[in-house]
Protein backbone atom coordinates (compact mmCIF):
# COMPACT_ATOMS: atom_id res chain seq x y z
CA MET A 1 -4.28 54.23 -17.84
CA GLY A 2 -5.33 57.86 -17.39
CA ALA A 3 -5.00 59.91 -14.22
CA GLY A 4 -7.72 59.35 -11.66
CA THR A 5 -8.48 55.88 -12.93
CA THR A 6 -8.80 53.31 -10.12
CA ALA A 7 -6.83 50.03 -10.51
CA LEU A 8 -8.96 46.95 -9.81
CA ALA A 9 -7.80 43.45 -8.84
CA VAL A 10 -10.18 40.91 -10.34
CA LEU A 11 -10.31 37.40 -8.82
CA LEU A 12 -11.47 34.65 -11.16
CA LEU A 13 -12.12 31.15 -9.78
CA TRP A 14 -11.89 28.06 -11.96
CA THR A 15 -12.26 24.41 -11.17
CA VAL A 16 -10.34 22.16 -13.51
CA PRO A 17 -12.82 19.83 -15.30
CA ALA A 18 -13.04 16.38 -13.75
CA GLY A 19 -11.45 13.47 -15.56
CA ALA A 20 -12.36 9.84 -15.73
CA GLY A 21 -13.84 7.87 -12.85
CA THR A 22 -11.65 5.95 -10.42
CA THR A 23 -11.20 2.21 -10.35
CA GLY A 24 -8.67 -0.03 -8.64
CA SER A 25 -7.70 -3.68 -8.71
CA ASP A 26 -5.38 -6.04 -6.92
CA GLY A 27 -2.89 -8.40 -8.48
CA PRO A 28 -0.62 -7.95 -11.49
CA GLY A 29 -1.78 -5.50 -14.13
CA GLY A 30 -4.29 -3.52 -12.06
CA THR A 31 -5.07 0.02 -13.21
CA VAL A 32 -6.36 3.23 -11.66
CA SER A 33 -7.55 6.16 -13.77
CA VAL A 34 -7.68 9.61 -12.24
CA GLY A 35 -8.67 13.08 -13.45
CA ALA A 36 -6.26 14.46 -16.03
CA GLY A 37 -3.88 16.94 -14.45
CA SER A 38 -4.25 15.54 -10.97
CA GLY A 39 -1.32 14.42 -8.84
CA THR A 40 -3.54 12.15 -6.78
CA GLY A 41 -6.75 12.04 -8.77
CA GLY A 42 -10.42 12.22 -8.02
CA ASP A 43 -11.25 13.24 -4.48
CA GLY A 44 -8.05 11.76 -3.05
CA SER A 45 -9.78 8.66 -1.68
CA PRO A 46 -8.45 5.11 -2.20
CA GLY A 47 -9.40 3.27 -5.38
CA GLN A 48 -12.47 1.10 -5.37
CA GLY A 49 -12.42 -2.67 -5.65
CA PRO A 50 -12.01 -4.66 -8.83
CA GLY A 51 -14.63 -4.00 -11.46
CA SER A 52 -16.26 -1.18 -9.52
CA GLY A 53 -17.37 2.13 -10.98
CA GLY A 54 -19.28 5.22 -10.02
CA PRO A 55 -19.82 8.88 -10.85
CA PRO A 56 -16.82 10.95 -11.97
CA PRO A 57 -14.83 12.29 -9.00
CA ALA A 58 -14.74 15.96 -8.12
CA ALA A 59 -12.04 17.99 -9.86
CA PRO A 60 -8.86 17.98 -7.73
CA TRP A 61 -7.44 21.36 -8.81
CA THR A 62 -8.80 24.79 -7.86
CA CYS A 63 -7.23 27.77 -9.60
CA VAL A 64 -7.46 31.44 -8.56
CA SER A 65 -6.43 34.10 -11.07
CA THR A 66 -5.65 37.71 -10.11
CA TYR A 67 -5.81 40.47 -12.73
CA LEU A 68 -2.38 42.17 -12.99
CA THR A 69 -2.94 45.90 -13.57
CA LEU A 70 0.70 46.90 -14.13
CA ASN A 71 1.38 44.02 -16.49
CA ASN A 72 -1.66 44.88 -18.56
CA GLU A 73 -0.52 48.49 -18.93
CA GLY A 74 2.34 47.06 -20.97
CA GLY A 75 -0.07 45.48 -23.40
CA ALA A 76 -0.49 42.00 -24.84
CA PRO A 77 2.41 39.66 -25.65
CA PRO A 78 3.36 39.41 -29.35
CA GLY A 79 0.68 37.40 -31.06
CA GLY A 80 -1.40 37.15 -27.90
CA PRO A 81 -5.06 36.30 -28.63
CA GLN A 82 -7.63 39.04 -28.17
CA PRO A 83 -9.50 39.94 -26.13
CA GLY A 84 -7.30 38.92 -23.19
CA ALA A 85 -5.30 40.11 -20.18
CA TRP A 86 -2.39 39.23 -17.87
CA TYR A 87 -3.23 37.21 -14.77
CA SER A 88 -1.31 35.68 -11.87
CA VAL A 89 -2.67 32.11 -11.72
CA THR A 90 -2.32 30.02 -8.55
CA CYS A 91 -3.57 26.41 -8.71
CA ILE A 92 -3.97 24.27 -5.57
CA ASP A 93 -4.39 20.49 -5.43
CA ARG A 94 -7.14 20.05 -2.83
CA SER A 95 -6.07 16.50 -1.94
CA THR A 96 -2.36 17.21 -1.32
CA GLY A 97 -2.13 20.97 -0.73
CA ALA A 98 0.49 21.30 -3.47
CA GLN A 99 0.30 24.56 -5.42
CA THR A 100 1.86 26.30 -8.40
CA THR A 101 1.79 29.97 -9.50
CA GLN A 102 2.33 31.33 -13.01
CA THR A 103 1.92 34.67 -14.80
CA LEU A 104 -0.18 33.99 -17.90
CA TRP A 105 -1.92 35.83 -20.72
CA LEU A 106 -5.48 34.49 -20.79
CA THR A 107 -8.28 35.12 -23.21
CA SER A 108 -11.40 36.53 -21.63
CA ALA A 109 -13.26 33.22 -21.34
CA ALA A 110 -10.36 30.80 -21.11
CA PRO A 111 -9.70 28.83 -17.89
CA PRO A 112 -6.07 28.54 -16.77
CA PRO A 113 -4.10 25.57 -18.12
CA THR A 114 -4.05 22.36 -16.08
CA PRO A 115 -0.88 22.07 -13.95
CA PRO A 116 1.49 19.25 -14.88
CA VAL A 117 1.00 15.81 -13.35
CA ASP A 118 3.33 14.84 -10.49
CA PRO A 119 4.23 11.21 -11.28
CA HIS A 120 5.34 10.53 -7.68
CA GLN A 121 1.94 11.55 -6.33
CA LEU A 122 0.38 9.37 -9.02
CA ALA A 123 2.53 6.44 -7.86
CA LEU A 124 1.38 6.96 -4.26
CA ARG A 125 -2.19 6.96 -5.56
CA ALA A 126 -1.53 3.61 -7.22
CA GLU A 127 0.01 2.20 -4.02
CA ARG A 128 -3.01 3.24 -1.95
CA SER A 129 -5.22 1.37 -4.42
CA MET A 130 -3.42 -1.94 -3.87
CA VAL A 131 -5.28 -4.83 -2.25
CA LEU A 132 -2.56 -7.20 -1.05
CA PRO A 133 -3.23 -10.76 0.17
CA ALA A 134 -2.93 -11.58 3.85
CA PRO A 135 -0.69 -14.53 4.73
CA THR A 136 -2.04 -17.96 5.55
CA VAL A 137 -0.14 -19.01 8.71
CA ARG A 138 1.25 -22.55 8.92
CA THR A 139 3.22 -24.32 11.67
CA ASP A 140 4.53 -27.80 12.27
CA PRO A 141 3.55 -29.25 14.59
CA ALA A 142 0.15 -27.69 13.87
CA GLY A 143 -2.32 -26.86 16.62
CA THR A 144 -0.15 -28.15 19.45
CA THR A 145 3.63 -28.11 19.77
CA LEU A 146 6.05 -28.87 22.59
CA VAL A 147 8.37 -26.91 24.84
CA ASN A 148 11.99 -27.10 23.60
CA LEU A 149 10.96 -28.42 20.19
CA ALA A 150 11.90 -26.44 17.04
CA THR A 151 8.51 -25.47 15.61
CA TRP A 152 8.52 -24.79 11.87
CA LEU A 153 6.94 -21.54 10.68
CA TRP A 154 5.84 -20.65 7.14
CA VAL A 155 3.16 -18.88 5.13
CA ALA A 156 1.31 -20.36 2.17
CA PRO A 157 3.59 -20.02 -0.89
CA SER A 158 0.66 -18.90 -3.06
CA VAL A 159 0.83 -15.34 -1.66
CA TRP A 160 4.55 -15.00 -2.35
CA ARG A 161 4.31 -13.14 -5.66
CA SER A 162 4.48 -9.56 -6.87
CA GLN A 163 1.42 -7.35 -7.15
CA SER A 164 1.13 -4.20 -9.29
CA VAL A 165 -1.25 -1.31 -9.93
CA THR A 166 -0.97 1.44 -12.56
CA ALA A 167 -2.50 4.90 -12.11
CA THR A 168 -2.98 7.17 -15.12
CA ALA A 169 -3.68 10.90 -15.41
CA GLY A 170 -3.77 12.29 -18.93
CA THR A 171 -0.65 11.13 -20.75
CA VAL A 172 1.24 10.23 -17.57
CA SER A 173 1.15 6.79 -15.92
CA ALA A 174 2.84 5.49 -12.78
CA THR A 175 3.10 1.81 -11.88
CA ALA A 176 3.59 0.68 -8.28
CA VAL A 177 4.93 -2.86 -7.79
CA ALA A 178 4.80 -4.56 -4.36
CA ARG A 179 7.15 -7.51 -3.84
CA PRO A 180 7.08 -9.72 -0.69
CA ALA A 181 10.44 -9.20 1.01
CA ALA A 182 10.26 -10.87 4.44
CA VAL A 183 7.94 -12.27 7.08
CA ALA A 184 8.00 -10.84 10.60
CA TRP A 185 6.82 -13.40 13.17
CA ALA A 186 5.44 -12.67 16.63
CA THR A 187 5.23 -16.05 18.35
CA GLY A 188 2.98 -15.02 21.23
CA ASP A 189 5.48 -15.76 24.00
CA GLY A 190 7.18 -12.37 23.67
CA SER A 191 9.64 -13.47 20.99
CA GLU A 192 9.93 -12.09 17.48
CA ALA A 193 11.76 -13.26 14.39
CA VAL A 194 12.18 -12.07 10.80
CA CYS A 195 12.52 -14.66 8.03
CA ALA A 196 13.75 -13.59 4.59
CA GLY A 197 11.19 -15.63 2.71
CA PRO A 198 7.89 -17.49 3.12
CA GLY A 199 9.50 -20.36 5.01
CA THR A 200 9.64 -24.05 4.08
CA PRO A 201 6.49 -26.20 4.35
CA TYR A 202 7.00 -29.38 6.33
CA ASP A 203 6.21 -32.48 4.27
CA PRO A 204 4.87 -35.32 6.48
CA GLY A 205 5.37 -37.71 3.59
CA ARG A 206 9.16 -37.37 3.73
CA PRO A 207 11.61 -38.40 6.48
CA ALA A 208 12.26 -35.60 8.96
CA VAL A 209 16.02 -36.05 8.62
CA ALA A 210 15.73 -35.20 4.91
CA GLN A 211 14.09 -31.82 5.59
CA SER A 212 15.26 -28.53 7.08
CA THR A 213 14.01 -24.99 7.54
CA THR A 214 15.54 -21.58 8.17
CA CYS A 215 12.38 -20.28 9.85
CA SER A 216 11.50 -21.86 13.18
CA HIS A 217 11.00 -21.03 16.85
CA VAL A 218 11.70 -22.91 20.09
CA TYR A 219 9.23 -22.27 22.91
CA LEU A 220 10.79 -22.31 26.37
CA ARG A 221 7.52 -22.38 28.29
CA SER A 222 4.05 -23.77 27.84
CA SER A 223 0.97 -21.77 26.89
CA ALA A 224 -0.87 -22.79 30.06
CA GLY A 225 -2.84 -19.84 31.40
CA GLN A 226 -3.12 -18.14 28.01
CA PRO A 227 -6.54 -17.41 26.45
CA ALA A 228 -8.04 -20.50 24.83
CA PRO A 229 -9.86 -20.43 21.46
CA ASP A 230 -12.63 -22.65 22.86
CA GLY A 231 -12.64 -21.04 26.32
CA ARG A 232 -11.37 -24.16 28.10
CA PRO A 233 -8.78 -23.16 30.74
CA ASP A 234 -6.63 -26.23 30.01
CA GLN A 235 -6.37 -25.35 26.31
CA GLY A 236 -4.57 -22.01 26.56
CA ALA A 237 -2.70 -21.07 23.37
CA PHE A 238 -0.25 -18.46 22.16
CA ARG A 239 -1.29 -16.23 19.27
CA VAL A 240 1.19 -16.64 16.40
CA THR A 241 1.16 -13.68 13.99
CA ALA A 242 2.84 -13.54 10.59
CA SER A 243 3.29 -10.14 8.88
CA ILE A 244 4.46 -10.01 5.27
CA VAL A 245 6.57 -6.92 4.58
CA TRP A 246 6.04 -5.75 0.98
CA ALA A 247 8.79 -3.65 -0.63
CA VAL A 248 7.19 -1.21 -3.08
CA SER A 249 8.87 0.45 -6.04
CA TRP A 250 7.50 2.59 -8.86
CA THR A 251 8.20 3.59 -12.44
CA ALA A 252 6.64 6.29 -14.62
CA GLN A 253 5.62 6.54 -18.25
CA GLY A 254 5.13 9.88 -19.96
CA ALA A 255 7.19 11.74 -17.34
CA PRO A 256 10.52 11.16 -15.57
CA GLY A 257 10.47 9.45 -12.19
CA GLY A 258 10.81 6.21 -10.28
CA GLY A 259 12.21 4.74 -7.07
CA ARG A 260 10.98 3.40 -3.73
CA LEU A 261 7.65 3.93 -2.01
CA PRO A 262 6.75 3.23 1.65
CA ASP A 263 6.63 -0.47 2.57
CA LEU A 264 3.25 -2.15 3.02
CA VAL A 265 2.37 -4.88 5.55
CA THR A 266 -0.33 -7.56 5.62
CA SER A 267 -0.85 -9.79 8.67
CA ALA A 268 -2.73 -12.84 9.93
CA SER A 269 -2.57 -14.97 13.06
CA THR A 270 -3.44 -18.41 14.41
CA PRO A 271 -3.57 -19.97 17.90
CA LEU A 272 -0.85 -22.46 18.84
CA ARG A 273 -0.92 -24.50 22.02
CA VAL A 274 2.46 -25.28 23.60
CA ALA A 275 2.52 -28.30 25.90
CA GLN A 276 5.06 -29.16 28.57
CA VAL A 277 6.23 -32.78 28.37
CA GLU A 278 6.46 -34.30 31.85
CA SER A 279 8.18 -37.54 30.84
CA VAL A 280 10.60 -37.71 27.94
CA ASN A 281 10.15 -41.50 27.95
CA ALA A 282 6.43 -41.15 27.30
CA VAL A 283 6.72 -38.59 24.48
CA PRO A 284 10.21 -38.32 22.95
CA LEU A 285 11.09 -34.93 21.48
CA SER A 286 12.54 -36.46 18.32
CA TRP A 287 12.12 -39.67 16.45
CA PRO A 288 14.66 -41.01 13.96
CA GLY A 289 12.16 -41.17 11.13
CA GLY A 290 9.72 -38.34 11.79
CA ARG A 291 8.25 -35.61 13.97
CA PRO A 292 7.33 -36.23 17.64
CA ALA A 293 4.17 -38.03 18.58
CA LEU A 294 1.83 -35.47 20.16
CA GLU A 295 -1.19 -37.63 20.84
CA ALA A 296 -0.23 -38.03 24.52
CA VAL A 297 -0.42 -34.28 25.17
CA ARG A 298 -3.48 -33.37 23.10
């Protein structure tokens, strides 16, 4: 560069071309496709429901390139394509704020290369696309139980299975797998319990003495005075809530990575009336061959 020549910094703005549209699905084998080169894909929003589609998402990466005057005084790299120049290229993922900066020789009309995919961000994208089932709450006795009686608690076994979603960006895929790990119970009377499984369904067709459960709760007071589902003041009920805790792990294909992701939780609740027995002779708390008779308190 000759004397008196003014050095100029040239800013060039590129937006990485958008990739495929975004779809999501629940249950085993779900997939999510995101724009190639994106750590989170698309516009960063959760995946849509099963079978849904839509226009391609906006490109997630914005790259700013600054012309490097001093570097260009040294000339092109060996074999560098012409015409071209040295640039400092900074690319920012608009959905996560992550950025990378490189010094590159670019041809005059060439956009900067797409940054590498972060498989962990891709796994988080897959996790956010999951649609996990809520538990179906079951108790025995159902509807109405008794003070000082061990009330069985369980959730429908049909929800106790793994769910997975795979997100893909370019040649990199990340699969998030959610496995039900435990059920946290809030019994409505201020007590809480965690059961390491769905619980055991009570079978009214079998003798009570032949059955047992590791997930139950004993109410020490009645639900009188609690809100009633039908509004009747004499039908107050506790709200029993079951929350499935899902342990989530991930693996990657096309890039190294894997491990744990944040747990997920799905919940549901049901009303349960708790009656106080005034006479143990009228309604015994246990019968040799079955559960207590509740007709007298309903």
